[in-house]
Amino acid sequence: MMDKYEYAFELTPELCIQCHACESACKNWRHTENFLSWRKVQLVEDGQFPNTKVHYYSVACMHCVNPACMKVCPVKAISKNENGIVLVDSEKCIGCKLCKKACPYDIPVFGKDRKMQKCDMCAGITPEEQQSPCVRMCPTRALKRVEISVEEKQKMEDEYLHKLQMR
């Protein structure tokens, strides 16, 4: 049996300098509403005193292997394509916010129209552009869009969730 591969965002936190270029690039490319971000730079502490480290994480939708948001949506407004990208059909969304409650990463946001919004890995990007604006604008190349095995993607999700739970 062949391994299945999906797209994911890969971050090297040691390279992130908290410049927020990824956030700005996403916001500008997507023209999101004021105070509404699909990508956020978050501070995460690792270790225990006195051996602690601080890292910054550029966080957007994880495009989970098994998306909890998709499972709870009562109107099936959330789907996952063959590349592993989790998409939202705003025409179907009723704004019930069950997806936000189910998401372990607290990713879904809601605009003035009360519809769920989130990163879609720039699904409409042209082949010439090849990379999402958030990735292209990262000056240290801390953020990458990669195609990885489902097993590796699940491991990445689990590791990040563990870090969030330790905060």
Foldseek 3Di string as FASTA:
>chain_A
DDFAKAKFKAFDQVLDPPPCQLFVQQCVVVVDDPPDTQWDWDWFWDDDPPDIDITIDTDHDGLAPDQQLQVPQPQNQWDADSRSFIDGNQVRFPLPCPSQVRDLVSRWDADPVSGTDHDRQPVVDDVVVVHRSSQVRRPRNRIDIDMDTNVVSNVVVVVVSVRVVVD
